[in-house]
């Protein structure tokens, strides 16, 4: 089984909560407009003509009733005003009024932001804050790697909160090639510059090859990558950037959550209750966070907004508190019977990294009887029942309140009935709201209800079921992925029939050969 190493999921409800808080802000008006706006209003009649001379432009496809669009509106206005000086048009299309135009550009949700760059359209992949929008669009005008000299070095370094600067002996070096490859991949989120001037490198006390994170929000001692193995790897450079471009401590939100995911590190949530208690928690975790930087990402979490995340980490609503979620989704809450001191936080992080902290697994009680056509799985029996390499296991992760799950229940029961007499196939279900998944990481990621996975025998390979929820579709899926006892018997019968047919053919052939031999003998005698 492959375990996820680059990404991990928070509880879906928490991610949704983050997004809802981000969208809670209201726009100046319900129709996404202001009296004096630098955002162009585009319609089918003026869309092409308004953009025909634009080398670079940003267009928002929105709906007036959309809460996310309303939250974006003031930020979008600020970005439009700043980008006006850069000669970058910022526009919007009302999809309630321009349905055909929005359909033409593949709009499926609101808001949808698209970038027009030299005649080519691409999705906007930045954050929805004015400064992030401006930085993103400015980067589209620049080469992936800016050539830095003594004249433009300081200006470049002060252009954004974080910039990535590489020092190289020449543009022909292998390290520069990997740096440029990384820049192409991350240009939408970071600005990259390169120094190949030895005197300039010496002035900044750097020796090539090296990569440094500067910027308006860079630390007093900028983070520097000099490890030769990591410099020779795009993945190594990306990880360095993702980890060290993040602030030591920041409040988690829908705006920055993906950045922490991209860092690919376990995520420690430090909870505080209300803004007045935030400074105390910052003081509580700062020293420990500095010691584990690059190994654990530490984020501040306002319990007024995200108490559900504490529950997800199997923590009581007792503030302040702390818990870690690792790359596979396992949860490590602090011992809330102990006082949360600076010393304990440092000890907890150290013990976690040393593998001394056991994960907390929420589980219902093991059922007293489990003889139904659909086996009930709880966390404490997950490995025993689901990861049994002697069986193929189809498991549904459901929520009791889920309407789709309720509708599926009788069909799933009928499917279970069909495989009751097959000891090699198990049809199972687990309440994902009251049980943790103790293994599997990305393989068992539940993004909605119901989520259905097949765990194949022998290998424990996990296959996600993506068909419709009809009995026929489930049976077809299983016939493609599972060698059931029934199909094995059919194959065995076919094999036996083939052997019998072969023997019969051989007997007939032998009989014919004997008759031919007798005929040849008679002919020979007559001659």
Protein backbone atom coordinates (compact mmCIF):
# COMPACT_ATOMS: atom_id res chain seq x y z
CA UNK A 1 0.00 0.00 0.00
CA UNK A 2 1.20 3.48 -0.81
CA UNK A 3 0.85 6.02 1.97
CA UNK A 4 0.42 9.72 1.09
CA UNK A 5 3.67 11.65 1.71
CA UNK A 6 2.90 15.08 0.30
CA UNK A 7 -0.61 15.88 1.36
CA UNK A 8 -3.00 15.17 4.23
CA UNK A 9 -6.59 16.12 4.92
CA UNK A 10 -8.31 17.94 7.73
CA UNK A 11 -11.83 16.88 8.55
CA UNK A 12 -14.04 18.01 5.67
CA UNK A 13 -16.32 19.96 7.95
CA UNK A 14 -13.39 21.95 9.27
CA UNK A 15 -12.13 22.83 5.79
CA UNK A 16 -15.65 23.90 4.91
CA UNK A 17 -15.79 25.96 8.09
CA UNK A 18 -12.61 27.75 7.07
CA UNK A 19 -14.06 28.56 3.69
CA UNK A 20 -17.30 29.81 5.21
CA UNK A 21 -15.41 32.17 7.52
CA UNK A 22 -13.44 33.43 4.56
CA UNK A 23 -16.68 34.10 2.68
CA UNK A 24 -18.48 35.72 5.60
CA UNK A 25 -17.33 39.21 4.69
CA UNK A 26 -19.80 41.16 2.59
CA UNK A 27 -19.18 43.20 -0.53
CA UNK A 28 -20.02 46.90 -0.78
CA UNK A 29 -23.18 45.94 -2.67
CA UNK A 30 -25.04 42.80 -3.60
CA UNK A 31 -24.40 43.18 -7.33
CA UNK A 32 -20.60 42.95 -6.94
CA UNK A 33 -20.07 46.56 -8.04
CA UNK A 34 -19.09 49.94 -6.65
CA UNK A 35 -19.86 53.51 -7.73
CA UNK A 36 -16.34 54.26 -9.03
CA UNK A 37 -14.86 50.97 -10.08
CA UNK A 38 -11.62 50.06 -11.84
CA UNK A 39 -13.11 46.63 -12.60
CA UNK A 40 -14.41 46.39 -16.15
CA UNK A 41 -17.94 45.04 -16.66
CA UNK A 42 -17.85 42.60 -19.56
CA UNK A 43 -20.77 41.24 -21.59
CA UNK A 44 -21.04 39.11 -24.67
CA UNK A 45 -21.12 42.27 -26.81
CA UNK A 46 -17.91 43.84 -25.47
CA UNK A 47 -15.91 40.86 -24.16
CA UNK A 48 -13.63 40.35 -27.16
CA UNK A 49 -13.21 44.02 -28.02
CA UNK A 50 -12.32 44.96 -24.43
CA UNK A 51 -9.58 42.34 -24.23
CA UNK A 52 -8.25 42.20 -27.80
CA UNK A 53 -5.29 44.50 -27.08
CA UNK A 54 -4.52 43.14 -23.61
CA UNK A 55 -1.36 41.08 -23.31
CA UNK A 56 -2.34 40.19 -19.76
CA UNK A 57 -5.77 40.38 -18.07
CA UNK A 58 -7.74 38.89 -15.19
CA UNK A 59 -11.46 38.06 -15.49
CA UNK A 60 -13.84 37.01 -12.72
CA UNK A 61 -16.97 35.06 -13.65
CA UNK A 62 -19.41 35.62 -10.79
CA UNK A 63 -23.03 35.43 -9.63
CA UNK A 64 -24.55 38.34 -7.66
CA UNK A 65 -26.03 35.99 -5.04
CA UNK A 66 -22.76 34.11 -4.40
CA UNK A 67 -21.35 34.69 -0.90
CA UNK A 68 -17.79 33.93 -1.99
CA UNK A 69 -18.13 36.48 -4.80
CA UNK A 70 -19.35 39.09 -2.31
CA UNK A 71 -16.37 38.35 -0.05
CA UNK A 72 -13.99 38.69 -2.99
CA UNK A 73 -15.46 41.96 -4.34
CA UNK A 74 -13.61 44.52 -2.16
CA UNK A 75 -10.31 42.68 -2.56
CA UNK A 76 -10.85 42.48 -6.30
CA UNK A 77 -11.53 46.23 -6.45
CA UNK A 78 -8.30 47.04 -4.60
CA UNK A 79 -6.33 44.73 -6.90
CA UNK A 80 -7.89 46.32 -9.99
CA UNK A 81 -6.83 49.80 -8.86
CA UNK A 82 -3.23 48.69 -8.25
CA UNK A 83 -2.99 46.70 -11.49
CA UNK A 84 -4.33 49.64 -13.48
CA UNK A 85 -0.89 51.23 -13.08
CA UNK A 86 0.63 48.02 -14.46
CA UNK A 87 -1.63 48.22 -17.53
CA UNK A 88 -3.31 44.93 -16.56
CA UNK A 89 -7.10 45.00 -17.09
CA UNK A 90 -9.18 43.45 -14.31
CA UNK A 91 -12.71 42.55 -15.34
CA UNK A 92 -15.83 40.66 -14.31
CA UNK A 93 -18.73 38.87 -15.99
CA UNK A 94 -22.18 38.48 -14.39
CA UNK A 95 -23.06 34.88 -15.16
CA UNK A 96 -26.71 35.35 -14.22
CA UNK A 97 -27.00 37.71 -17.17
CA UNK A 98 -24.34 36.22 -19.47
CA UNK A 99 -25.04 32.50 -19.24
CA UNK A 100 -23.85 31.69 -22.77
CA UNK A 101 -20.57 33.56 -22.29
CA UNK A 102 -19.88 31.85 -18.97
CA UNK A 103 -20.69 28.47 -20.49
CA UNK A 104 -18.29 29.19 -23.35
CA UNK A 105 -15.47 29.63 -20.83
CA UNK A 106 -16.31 26.49 -18.89
CA UNK A 107 -17.54 28.16 -15.72
CA UNK A 108 -18.91 25.56 -13.28
CA UNK A 109 -18.76 27.41 -9.97
CA UNK A 110 -18.49 30.89 -8.51
CA UNK A 111 -16.31 32.79 -8.48
CA UNK A 112 -14.20 31.46 -11.33
CA UNK A 113 -11.12 33.56 -12.10
CA UNK A 114 -9.23 33.18 -15.36
CA UNK A 115 -5.98 34.74 -16.60
CA UNK A 116 -5.50 35.82 -20.20
CA UNK A 117 -1.77 35.81 -21.01
CA UNK A 118 -0.59 36.42 -24.59
CA UNK A 119 -3.84 35.03 -26.00
CA UNK A 120 -3.90 31.94 -23.77
CA UNK A 121 -6.44 31.38 -20.96
CA UNK A 122 -5.49 29.61 -17.72
CA UNK A 123 -7.11 29.31 -14.27
CA UNK A 124 -6.10 31.81 -11.58
CA UNK A 125 -4.44 29.71 -8.86
CA UNK A 126 -3.60 32.34 -6.26
CA UNK A 127 -5.28 33.48 -3.05
CA UNK A 128 -8.23 35.84 -3.07
CA UNK A 129 -6.67 38.78 -1.28
CA UNK A 130 -5.75 42.01 -3.07
CA UNK A 131 -2.00 41.81 -2.42
CA UNK A 132 -1.91 38.15 -3.48
CA UNK A 133 -3.85 38.94 -6.67
CA UNK A 134 -1.51 41.80 -7.53
CA UNK A 135 1.61 39.71 -6.88
CA UNK A 136 0.23 36.82 -8.91
CA UNK A 137 -0.56 38.99 -11.91
CA UNK A 138 2.77 40.83 -11.78
CA UNK A 139 4.53 37.48 -11.89
CA UNK A 140 2.72 36.61 -15.11
CA UNK A 141 4.54 39.52 -16.78
CA UNK A 142 7.97 38.36 -15.63
CA UNK A 143 10.20 35.51 -16.80
CA UNK A 144 10.13 32.48 -14.49
CA UNK A 145 13.59 33.48 -13.21
CA UNK A 146 14.63 37.14 -13.08
CA UNK A 147 18.30 37.93 -13.76
CA UNK A 148 19.54 39.81 -10.68
CA UNK A 149 22.29 42.42 -10.74
CA UNK A 150 23.64 44.96 -8.28
CA UNK A 151 21.18 47.48 -9.75
CA UNK A 152 17.94 45.51 -9.28
CA UNK A 153 18.81 43.14 -6.40
CA UNK A 154 17.32 45.24 -3.55
CA UNK A 155 14.23 46.21 -5.54
CA UNK A 156 13.52 42.56 -6.37
CA UNK A 157 14.02 41.44 -2.77
CA UNK A 158 11.56 44.04 -1.50
CA UNK A 159 8.95 43.32 -4.18
CA UNK A 160 7.06 40.65 -2.21
CA UNK A 161 6.72 39.18 1.25
CA UNK A 162 8.94 36.24 0.25
CA UNK A 163 11.17 35.91 -2.82
CA UNK A 164 13.44 33.03 -3.83
CA UNK A 165 17.00 33.91 -4.87
CA UNK A 166 19.47 31.39 -6.23
CA UNK A 167 23.24 31.90 -6.33
CA UNK A 168 25.02 29.97 -9.10
CA UNK A 169 28.42 29.83 -10.79
CA UNK A 170 26.74 30.03 -14.19
CA UNK A 171 23.43 29.56 -15.96
CA UNK A 172 24.85 26.36 -17.45
CA UNK A 173 25.20 24.64 -14.08
CA UNK A 174 23.01 21.65 -13.21
CA UNK A 175 21.85 23.42 -10.04
CA UNK A 176 20.63 26.40 -12.06
CA UNK A 177 18.71 24.02 -14.36
CA UNK A 178 16.88 22.49 -11.37
CA UNK A 179 16.24 25.95 -9.94
CA UNK A 180 14.70 27.11 -13.23
CA UNK A 181 12.59 23.95 -13.46
CA UNK A 182 11.28 24.62 -9.94
CA UNK A 183 10.60 28.26 -10.80
CA UNK A 184 8.48 27.21 -13.78
CA UNK A 185 6.41 24.98 -11.51
CA UNK A 186 5.97 27.51 -8.68
CA UNK A 187 5.95 30.82 -10.53
CA UNK A 188 2.30 31.42 -9.64
CA UNK A 189 3.05 31.39 -5.93
CA UNK A 190 6.61 32.73 -5.65
CA UNK A 191 8.97 35.15 -7.38
CA UNK A 192 12.36 33.70 -8.41
CA UNK A 193 15.61 35.50 -9.14
CA UNK A 194 19.14 34.28 -9.90
CA UNK A 195 22.60 35.71 -9.20
CA UNK A 196 25.55 34.53 -11.31
CA UNK A 197 27.78 37.50 -10.42
CA UNK A 198 30.47 36.31 -7.98
CA UNK A 199 31.09 39.83 -6.68
CA UNK A 200 27.37 40.28 -5.92
CA UNK A 201 27.28 36.90 -4.18
CA UNK A 202 30.33 37.85 -2.13
CA UNK A 203 28.68 41.16 -1.16
CA UNK A 204 25.79 39.20 0.36
CA UNK A 205 28.09 36.62 1.98
CA UNK A 206 26.83 33.76 -0.17
CA UNK A 207 28.78 31.06 -1.95
CA UNK A 208 27.31 29.29 -4.99
CA UNK A 209 25.39 27.11 -5.24
CA UNK A 210 22.82 28.24 -2.68
CA UNK A 211 19.16 29.25 -2.51
CA UNK A 212 17.99 31.96 -0.12
CA UNK A 213 14.56 33.21 0.92
CA UNK A 214 14.47 37.00 1.12
CA UNK A 215 11.53 39.43 1.02
CA UNK A 216 9.61 42.00 3.02
CA UNK A 217 8.66 39.38 5.62
CA UNK A 218 11.93 37.45 5.58
CA UNK A 219 13.54 36.70 8.93
CA UNK A 220 16.56 38.72 10.10
CA UNK A 221 18.71 35.76 9.10
CA UNK A 222 17.23 34.55 5.78
CA UNK A 223 16.82 30.81 5.37
CA UNK A 224 19.48 29.32 3.08
CA UNK A 225 19.59 25.97 1.29
CA UNK A 226 23.10 24.64 0.63
CA UNK A 227 22.59 20.87 0.83
CA UNK A 228 23.97 19.49 -2.43
CA UNK A 229 21.44 16.64 -2.67
CA UNK A 230 18.47 18.96 -2.21
CA UNK A 231 19.90 21.55 -4.62
CA UNK A 232 20.16 18.83 -7.26
CA UNK A 233 16.50 17.88 -6.83
CA UNK A 234 13.38 19.78 -7.86
CA UNK A 235 11.53 18.06 -5.03
CA UNK A 236 14.20 19.11 -2.52
CA UNK A 237 14.07 22.73 -3.63
CA UNK A 238 10.25 22.75 -3.57
CA UNK A 239 10.14 21.35 -0.04
CA UNK A 240 12.63 23.96 1.19
CA UNK A 241 10.52 26.75 -0.32
CA UNK A 242 7.19 25.38 0.92
CA UNK A 243 8.47 24.91 4.48
CA UNK A 244 10.57 28.01 5.03
CA UNK A 245 8.48 30.51 3.09
CA UNK A 246 5.78 30.06 5.72
CA UNK A 247 5.95 32.21 8.87
CA UNK A 248 7.05 30.46 12.03
CA UNK A 249 3.56 30.95 13.49
CA UNK A 250 0.43 32.02 11.66
CA UNK A 251 -3.31 31.62 12.12
CA UNK A 252 -4.69 28.80 10.02
CA UNK A 253 -7.39 29.80 7.54
CA UNK A 254 -8.87 28.92 4.20
CA UNK A 255 -6.38 31.32 2.63
CA UNK A 256 -3.18 29.62 3.80
CA UNK A 257 -4.28 26.04 4.47
CA UNK A 258 -3.11 24.77 1.05
CA UNK A 259 0.36 26.20 1.69
CA UNK A 260 0.70 24.11 4.83
CA UNK A 261 -0.52 21.07 2.92
CA UNK A 262 2.11 21.71 0.24
CA UNK A 263 4.81 21.88 2.93
CA UNK A 264 4.21 18.16 3.47
CA UNK A 265 4.87 18.23 7.21
CA UNK A 266 2.84 17.09 10.22
CA UNK A 267 0.64 19.98 11.32
CA UNK A 268 0.41 21.03 14.97
CA UNK A 269 -2.68 23.05 15.92
CA UNK A 270 -2.22 25.39 18.89
CA UNK A 271 -5.70 26.43 20.04
CA UNK A 272 -6.55 29.69 21.78
CA UNK A 273 -9.97 31.08 22.71
CA UNK A 274 -10.46 34.58 21.40
CA UNK A 275 -8.03 37.25 20.26
CA UNK A 276 -7.30 38.37 23.82
CA UNK A 277 -5.74 34.96 24.57
CA UNK A 278 -3.71 34.71 21.37
CA UNK A 279 -0.50 36.42 22.66
CA UNK A 280 -0.25 33.97 25.55
CA UNK A 281 -0.42 30.97 23.19
CA UNK A 282 2.13 32.56 20.86
CA UNK A 283 4.48 32.88 23.83
CA UNK A 284 3.66 29.30 24.89
CA UNK A 285 4.67 27.63 21.59
CA UNK A 286 7.24 29.93 19.92
CA UNK A 287 10.41 28.38 21.35
CA UNK A 288 9.21 24.83 20.63
CA UNK A 289 8.11 25.80 17.11
CA UNK A 290 11.57 27.18 16.36
CA UNK A 291 13.19 23.91 17.44
CA UNK A 292 11.01 21.75 15.19
CA UNK A 293 10.94 24.05 12.15
CA UNK A 294 11.29 21.95 9.01
CA UNK A 295 9.93 18.90 10.83
CA UNK A 296 6.54 20.10 12.12
CA UNK A 297 4.46 23.06 10.96
CA UNK A 298 2.86 24.87 13.90
CA UNK A 299 -0.28 26.95 13.34
CA UNK A 300 -2.41 29.08 15.64
CA UNK A 301 -6.09 28.15 15.72
CA UNK A 302 -8.92 30.29 17.08
CA UNK A 303 -11.27 27.96 18.94
CA UNK A 304 -14.11 30.43 18.40
CA UNK A 305 -13.92 29.56 14.70
CA UNK A 306 -12.46 26.07 14.57
CA UNK A 307 -13.44 24.19 17.71
CA UNK A 308 -14.54 21.35 15.42
CA UNK A 309 -10.88 20.77 14.54
CA UNK A 310 -10.09 20.19 18.21
CA UNK A 311 -12.88 17.61 18.35
CA UNK A 312 -11.47 16.04 15.17
CA UNK A 313 -8.10 15.70 16.93
CA UNK A 314 -9.86 13.92 19.83
CA UNK A 315 -9.29 16.90 22.14
CA UNK A 316 -11.76 18.18 24.71
CA UNK A 317 -12.91 21.78 24.36
CA UNK A 318 -10.48 22.92 27.01
CA UNK A 319 -8.35 25.96 26.05
CA UNK A 320 -5.53 26.43 25.37
CA UNK A 321 -4.68 23.03 23.95
CA UNK A 322 -2.59 21.39 21.26
CA UNK A 323 -2.74 18.46 18.86
CA UNK A 324 -0.82 17.11 15.86
CA UNK A 325 -2.18 15.54 12.68
CA UNK A 326 0.38 13.62 10.64
CA UNK A 327 0.71 12.99 6.91
CA UNK A 328 -1.43 9.87 7.08
CA UNK A 329 -4.20 11.58 9.06
CA UNK A 330 -3.31 10.04 12.43
CA UNK A 331 -4.01 12.26 15.44
CA UNK A 332 -1.80 13.01 18.42
CA UNK A 333 -3.50 15.14 21.10
CA UNK A 334 -1.62 16.39 24.14
CA UNK A 335 -2.47 14.89 27.50
CA UNK A 336 -5.06 17.40 28.67
CA UNK A 337 -4.72 16.21 32.25
CA UNK A 338 -1.31 17.94 32.27
CA UNK A 339 -0.67 21.67 32.43
CA UNK A 340 0.18 23.04 29.01
CA UNK A 341 3.51 24.73 29.72
CA UNK A 342 6.40 25.72 27.46
CA UNK A 343 8.37 22.77 28.79
CA UNK A 344 5.55 20.31 28.09
CA UNK A 345 5.01 21.64 24.56
CA UNK A 346 8.72 21.19 23.79
CA UNK A 347 8.70 17.71 25.34
CA UNK A 348 5.54 16.74 23.41
CA UNK A 349 7.06 17.77 20.06
CA UNK A 350 10.32 15.95 20.83
CA UNK A 351 8.53 12.77 21.91
CA UNK A 352 6.34 12.89 18.78
CA UNK A 353 9.37 13.14 16.50
CA UNK A 354 11.04 10.30 18.40
CA UNK A 355 7.98 8.09 17.87
CA UNK A 356 7.17 7.97 21.58
CA UNK A 357 3.64 9.36 21.29
CA UNK A 358 0.90 6.89 20.46
CA UNK A 359 -1.81 8.09 18.04
CA UNK A 360 -5.29 8.61 19.44
CA UNK A 361 -7.85 6.51 17.62
CA UNK A 362 -11.54 7.20 18.20
CA UNK A 363 -13.57 4.01 17.98
CA UNK A 364 -17.03 2.69 18.74
CA UNK A 365 -17.29 -0.51 20.73
CA UNK A 366 -16.73 -3.75 18.84
CA UNK A 367 -20.17 -5.16 17.91
CA UNK A 368 -21.27 -8.12 20.04
CA UNK A 369 -22.54 -9.85 16.89
CA UNK A 370 -21.59 -9.12 13.32
CA UNK A 371 -23.40 -11.73 11.25
CA UNK A 372 -25.32 -9.50 8.86
CA UNK A 373 -24.67 -9.39 5.10
CA UNK A 374 -22.86 -6.08 5.59
CA UNK A 375 -20.13 -6.29 8.23
CA UNK A 376 -19.89 -3.40 10.69
CA UNK A 377 -16.34 -2.08 11.04
CA UNK A 378 -15.09 0.04 13.94
CA UNK A 379 -11.65 1.62 14.25
CA UNK A 380 -10.39 -0.94 16.78
CA UNK A 381 -11.10 -3.75 14.31
CA UNK A 382 -10.18 -1.91 11.13
CA UNK A 383 -6.86 -3.66 10.52
CA UNK A 384 -8.30 -7.07 11.43
CA UNK A 385 -11.35 -6.85 9.17
CA UNK A 386 -10.38 -4.48 6.36
CA UNK A 387 -6.68 -5.18 5.93
CA UNK A 388 -7.10 -8.98 5.95
CA UNK A 389 -4.94 -10.12 3.02
CA UNK A 390 -7.01 -13.29 2.66
CA UNK A 391 -10.06 -11.31 1.56
CA UNK A 392 -11.27 -8.61 -0.82
CA UNK A 393 -13.10 -5.99 1.25
CA UNK A 394 -15.51 -3.40 -0.15
CA UNK A 395 -16.06 -0.80 2.58
CA UNK A 396 -18.44 2.15 2.72
CA UNK A 397 -17.53 5.14 4.89
CA UNK A 398 -20.81 6.81 5.81
CA UNK A 399 -22.45 9.35 8.10
CA UNK A 400 -25.75 8.53 9.84
CA UNK A 401 -27.25 11.88 8.80
CA UNK A 402 -26.24 11.53 5.13
CA UNK A 403 -29.26 11.25 2.78
CA UNK A 404 -27.21 9.57 0.03
CA UNK A 405 -26.01 6.97 2.54
CA UNK A 406 -29.58 6.24 3.65
CA UNK A 407 -30.66 5.81 0.04
CA UNK A 408 -27.75 3.45 -0.62
CA UNK A 409 -28.38 1.28 2.48
CA UNK A 410 -30.93 -1.23 1.02
CA UNK A 411 -28.92 -1.60 -2.21
CA UNK A 412 -25.75 -2.18 -0.22
CA UNK A 413 -27.53 -4.77 1.94
CA UNK A 414 -28.67 -6.59 -1.20
CA UNK A 415 -25.08 -6.54 -2.48
CA UNK A 416 -23.95 -8.06 0.81
CA UNK A 417 -26.57 -10.81 0.48
CA UNK A 418 -25.16 -11.80 -2.91
CA UNK A 419 -21.72 -12.43 -1.42
CA UNK A 420 -22.82 -13.98 1.89
CA UNK A 421 -21.69 -17.45 0.84
CA UNK A 422 -18.37 -16.30 -0.60
CA UNK A 423 -15.71 -16.42 2.15
CA UNK A 424 -13.22 -14.42 0.07
CA UNK A 425 -15.35 -11.27 -0.31
CA UNK A 426 -16.52 -8.95 2.49
CA UNK A 427 -19.05 -6.14 2.08
CA UNK A 428 -18.54 -3.73 4.98
CA UNK A 429 -19.40 -0.28 6.30
CA UNK A 430 -18.01 2.12 8.91
CA UNK A 431 -19.51 5.20 10.54
CA UNK A 432 -16.78 7.75 9.75
CA UNK A 433 -18.22 10.28 12.20
CA UNK A 434 -17.61 8.09 15.25
CA UNK A 435 -14.54 6.12 14.12
CA UNK A 436 -11.08 7.17 13.00
CA UNK A 437 -9.33 5.43 10.15
CA UNK A 438 -6.15 4.16 11.82
CA UNK A 439 -4.19 3.36 8.65
CA UNK A 440 -3.91 4.37 5.05
CA UNK A 441 -3.44 8.11 4.74
CA UNK A 442 -4.42 9.22 1.25
CA UNK A 443 -5.63 5.72 0.39
CA UNK A 444 -8.56 6.07 2.77
CA UNK A 445 -9.14 9.80 2.43
CA UNK A 446 -12.84 10.52 2.97
CA UNK A 447 -13.88 13.68 1.14
CA UNK A 448 -17.64 13.16 1.27
CA UNK A 449 -20.33 10.66 2.15
CA UNK A 450 -20.60 7.95 1.15
CA UNK A 451 -16.99 7.18 0.20
CA UNK A 452 -16.50 3.59 -0.96
CA UNK A 453 -13.17 1.77 -1.24
CA UNK A 454 -12.12 -1.73 -2.27
CA UNK A 455 -9.15 -3.24 -0.41
CA UNK A 456 -7.80 -6.07 -2.55
CA UNK A 457 -6.60 -9.29 -1.02
CA UNK A 458 -2.93 -10.33 -1.14
CA UNK A 459 -1.67 -6.77 -1.78
CA UNK A 460 -4.04 -4.52 0.24
CA UNK A 461 -4.16 -2.27 -2.82
CA UNK A 462 -6.92 0.32 -2.35
CA UNK A 463 -9.22 1.13 -5.27
CA UNK A 464 -11.78 3.93 -5.02
CA UNK A 465 -15.28 3.08 -6.24
CA UNK A 466 -16.44 5.84 -8.60
CA UNK A 467 -19.45 4.24 -10.32
CA UNK A 468 -23.13 4.94 -9.75
CA UNK A 469 -24.82 3.46 -6.70
CA UNK A 470 -26.85 0.75 -8.41
CA UNK A 471 -26.58 -2.94 -7.61
CA UNK A 472 -25.53 -3.68 -11.18
CA UNK A 473 -22.74 -1.11 -11.06
CA UNK A 474 -21.36 -2.55 -7.82
CA UNK A 475 -21.45 -6.09 -9.22
CA UNK A 476 -19.72 -4.97 -12.41
CA UNK A 477 -17.03 -3.20 -10.37
CA UNK A 478 -16.41 -6.29 -8.26
CA UNK A 479 -16.30 -8.57 -11.30
CA UNK A 480 -13.55 -6.37 -12.75
CA UNK A 481 -11.41 -6.15 -9.61
CA UNK A 482 -12.19 -9.26 -7.56
CA UNK A 483 -11.52 -12.92 -8.29
CA UNK A 484 -14.41 -14.38 -6.24
CA UNK A 485 -14.88 -17.99 -5.23
CA UNK A 486 -17.68 -18.24 -7.77
CA UNK A 487 -15.54 -17.11 -10.66
CA UNK A 488 -12.72 -19.35 -9.50
CA UNK A 489 -15.12 -22.32 -9.56
CA UNK A 490 -16.22 -21.41 -13.07
CA UNK A 491 -12.59 -21.26 -14.16
CA UNK A 492 -11.91 -24.61 -12.49
CA UNK A 493 -14.91 -26.21 -14.24
CA UNK A 494 -13.75 -24.77 -17.54
CA UNK A 495 -10.29 -26.14 -16.92
CA UNK A 496 -11.71 -29.60 -16.06
CA UNK A 497 -13.96 -29.51 -19.12
CA UNK A 498 -11.00 -28.57 -21.26
CA UNK A 499 -8.93 -31.42 -19.90
CA UNK A 500 -11.77 -33.88 -20.49
CA UNK A 501 -12.27 -32.62 -24.03
CA UNK A 502 -8.56 -32.89 -24.68
CA UNK A 503 -8.53 -36.49 -23.47
CA UNK A 504 -11.55 -37.33 -25.64
CA UNK A 505 -9.93 -35.79 -28.72
CA UNK A 506 -6.72 -37.71 -28.04
CA UNK A 507 -8.68 -40.99 -27.72
CA UNK A 508 -10.53 -40.35 -31.00
CA UNK A 509 -7.27 -39.46 -32.73
CA UNK A 510 -5.67 -42.65 -31.46
CA UNK A 511 -8.64 -44.68 -32.70
CA UNK A 512 -8.43 -43.05 -36.14
CA UNK A 513 -4.70 -43.66 -36.31
CA UNK A 514 -5.25 -47.35 -35.55
CA UNK A 515 -7.87 -47.65 -38.31
CA UNK A 516 -5.60 -45.87 -40.79
CA UNK A 517 -2.77 -48.21 -39.88
CA UNK A 518 -5.03 -51.27 -40.41
CA UNK A 519 -6.14 -49.94 -43.80
CA UNK A 520 -2.56 -49.30 -44.88
CA UNK A 521 -1.63 -52.84 -43.81
CA UNK A 522 -4.44 -54.38 -45.92
CA UNK A 523 -3.44 -52.37 -48.96
CA UNK A 524 0.15 -53.46 -48.56
CA UNK A 525 -0.89 -57.15 -48.40
CA UNK A 526 -3.02 -56.82 -51.55
CA UNK A 527 -0.12 -55.28 -53.44
